[in-house]
Protein backbone atom coordinates (compact mmCIF):
# COMPACT_ATOMS: atom_id res chain seq x y z
CA UNK A 1 26.49 27.94 6.85
CA UNK A 2 23.01 26.46 7.14
CA UNK A 3 21.98 23.94 4.51
CA UNK A 4 18.65 22.29 3.80
CA UNK A 5 18.32 18.83 2.26
CA UNK A 6 15.01 17.52 0.96
CA UNK A 7 14.21 13.84 0.59
CA UNK A 8 11.25 11.58 0.06
CA UNK A 9 10.35 12.35 -3.52
CA UNK A 10 9.57 9.61 -6.02
CA UNK A 11 6.93 8.10 -8.25
CA UNK A 12 3.35 8.46 -7.19
CA UNK A 13 0.09 7.15 -8.59
CA UNK A 14 -3.08 9.24 -8.63
CA UNK A 15 -4.56 9.16 -5.17
CA UNK A 16 -1.29 8.08 -3.63
CA UNK A 17 0.73 9.60 -0.81
CA UNK A 18 4.27 10.73 -0.16
CA UNK A 19 6.00 12.32 2.79
CA UNK A 20 8.76 14.77 2.02
CA UNK A 21 11.40 15.65 4.58
CA UNK A 22 13.61 18.69 4.91
CA UNK A 23 16.63 18.39 7.17
CA UNK A 24 18.63 21.38 8.34
CA UNK A 25 22.36 21.10 8.96
CA UNK A 26 25.24 23.44 9.63
CA UNK A 27 26.14 23.14 13.23
CA UNK A 28 24.79 25.43 15.88
CA UNK A 29 23.32 27.84 13.32
CA UNK A 30 20.84 25.21 12.24
CA UNK A 31 19.67 24.40 15.75
CA UNK A 32 16.10 25.48 16.15
CA UNK A 33 16.06 27.26 12.82
CA UNK A 34 12.58 26.08 11.92
CA UNK A 35 11.24 27.16 15.30
CA UNK A 36 12.86 30.58 15.03
CA UNK A 37 12.12 31.40 11.40
CA UNK A 38 9.49 29.00 10.19
CA UNK A 39 9.66 26.82 7.11
CA UNK A 40 7.96 26.85 3.72
CA UNK A 41 7.51 24.33 0.96
CA UNK A 42 7.39 25.42 -2.67
CA UNK A 43 7.07 23.46 -5.87
CA UNK A 44 7.94 24.06 -9.49
CA UNK A 45 6.85 22.08 -12.51
CA UNK A 46 8.40 22.45 -15.98
CA UNK A 47 7.46 25.71 -17.66
CA UNK A 48 5.82 27.07 -14.52
CA UNK A 49 6.86 29.49 -11.84
CA UNK A 50 7.77 28.30 -8.41
CA UNK A 51 4.70 28.42 -6.18
CA UNK A 52 4.09 28.30 -2.48
CA UNK A 53 2.52 25.06 -1.27
CA UNK A 54 2.50 25.36 2.51
CA UNK A 55 4.23 27.16 5.33
CA UNK A 56 4.54 27.02 9.06
CA UNK A 57 5.42 30.20 10.92
CA UNK A 58 7.66 30.54 13.94
CA UNK A 59 4.45 30.77 15.98
CA UNK A 60 3.39 27.36 14.74
CA UNK A 61 0.55 28.71 12.63
CA UNK A 62 0.22 26.98 9.28
CA UNK A 63 -1.03 28.07 5.87
CA UNK A 64 -1.75 26.22 2.66
CA UNK A 65 -2.31 27.03 -0.97
CA UNK A 66 -5.91 26.47 -1.98
CA UNK A 67 -4.94 23.70 -4.38
CA UNK A 68 -3.56 21.52 -1.56
CA UNK A 69 -5.87 22.31 1.33
CA UNK A 70 -7.14 19.23 3.17
CA UNK A 71 -4.69 17.03 1.27
CA UNK A 72 -1.26 18.23 2.42
CA UNK A 73 0.02 18.70 5.95
CA UNK A 74 3.13 20.61 6.96
CA UNK A 75 4.86 19.91 10.24
CA UNK A 76 8.20 20.29 11.96
CA UNK A 77 10.13 18.28 14.50
CA UNK A 78 11.95 20.86 16.59
CA UNK A 79 14.19 18.31 18.25
CA UNK A 80 15.46 16.92 14.94
CA UNK A 81 15.69 20.13 12.92
CA UNK A 82 13.50 18.43 10.35
CA UNK A 83 10.33 19.55 8.62
CA UNK A 84 7.84 17.44 6.71
CA UNK A 85 5.24 17.74 4.03
CA UNK A 86 2.71 14.93 4.07
CA UNK A 87 1.01 14.77 0.70
CA UNK A 88 -2.14 12.68 0.35
CA UNK A 89 -4.54 12.11 -2.53
CA UNK A 90 -1.97 13.28 -5.02
CA UNK A 91 -2.93 14.03 -8.60
CA UNK A 92 -0.99 14.67 -11.79
CA UNK A 93 -0.67 18.36 -10.95
CA UNK A 94 1.38 17.38 -7.93
CA UNK A 95 4.27 16.28 -10.14
CA UNK A 96 7.00 18.85 -9.61
CA UNK A 97 10.25 19.56 -7.87
CA UNK A 98 9.53 20.38 -4.25
CA UNK A 99 11.75 22.78 -2.33
CA UNK A 100 11.90 23.70 1.31
CA UNK A 101 13.13 27.08 2.42
CA UNK A 102 13.68 29.14 5.53
CA UNK A 103 12.52 32.69 4.80
CA UNK A 104 15.36 35.08 3.94
CA UNK A 105 17.98 32.49 4.83
CA UNK A 106 18.30 29.42 2.66
CA UNK A 107 16.70 27.16 0.04
CA UNK A 108 17.12 23.44 -0.38
CA UNK A 109 18.09 21.77 -3.66
CA UNK A 110 14.72 20.15 -4.21
CA UNK A 111 13.28 16.66 -4.48
CA UNK A 112 11.42 15.35 -7.51
CA UNK A 113 7.87 14.03 -7.39
CA UNK A 114 6.86 12.27 -10.58
CA UNK A 115 3.44 11.16 -11.73
CA UNK A 116 3.56 7.50 -12.67
CA UNK A 117 0.27 7.37 -14.58
């Protein structure tokens, strides 16, 4: 069974940066999963619905929500079965639980990003 594990969350000051990671595990079924199916990052803050932040398709094409364009970058390391979300110039609205997911297959448990201001 494929599992996803996010890491890299923490406290962030306005204008700061964080890099989130999403590691896939589960033996041979996880090999190349991001290349085959793509990967998406979502976030959810208290009282709000979960929203799409960024995604990378199996083709390698990327897409971003308008509220993070030019500040966040999604990427994947196909050899390590790991995906990343580089978040720069963070603001208070970036405080949320961030989840990675492989479409129609699996969600991670989330990693918390907290505004320290």
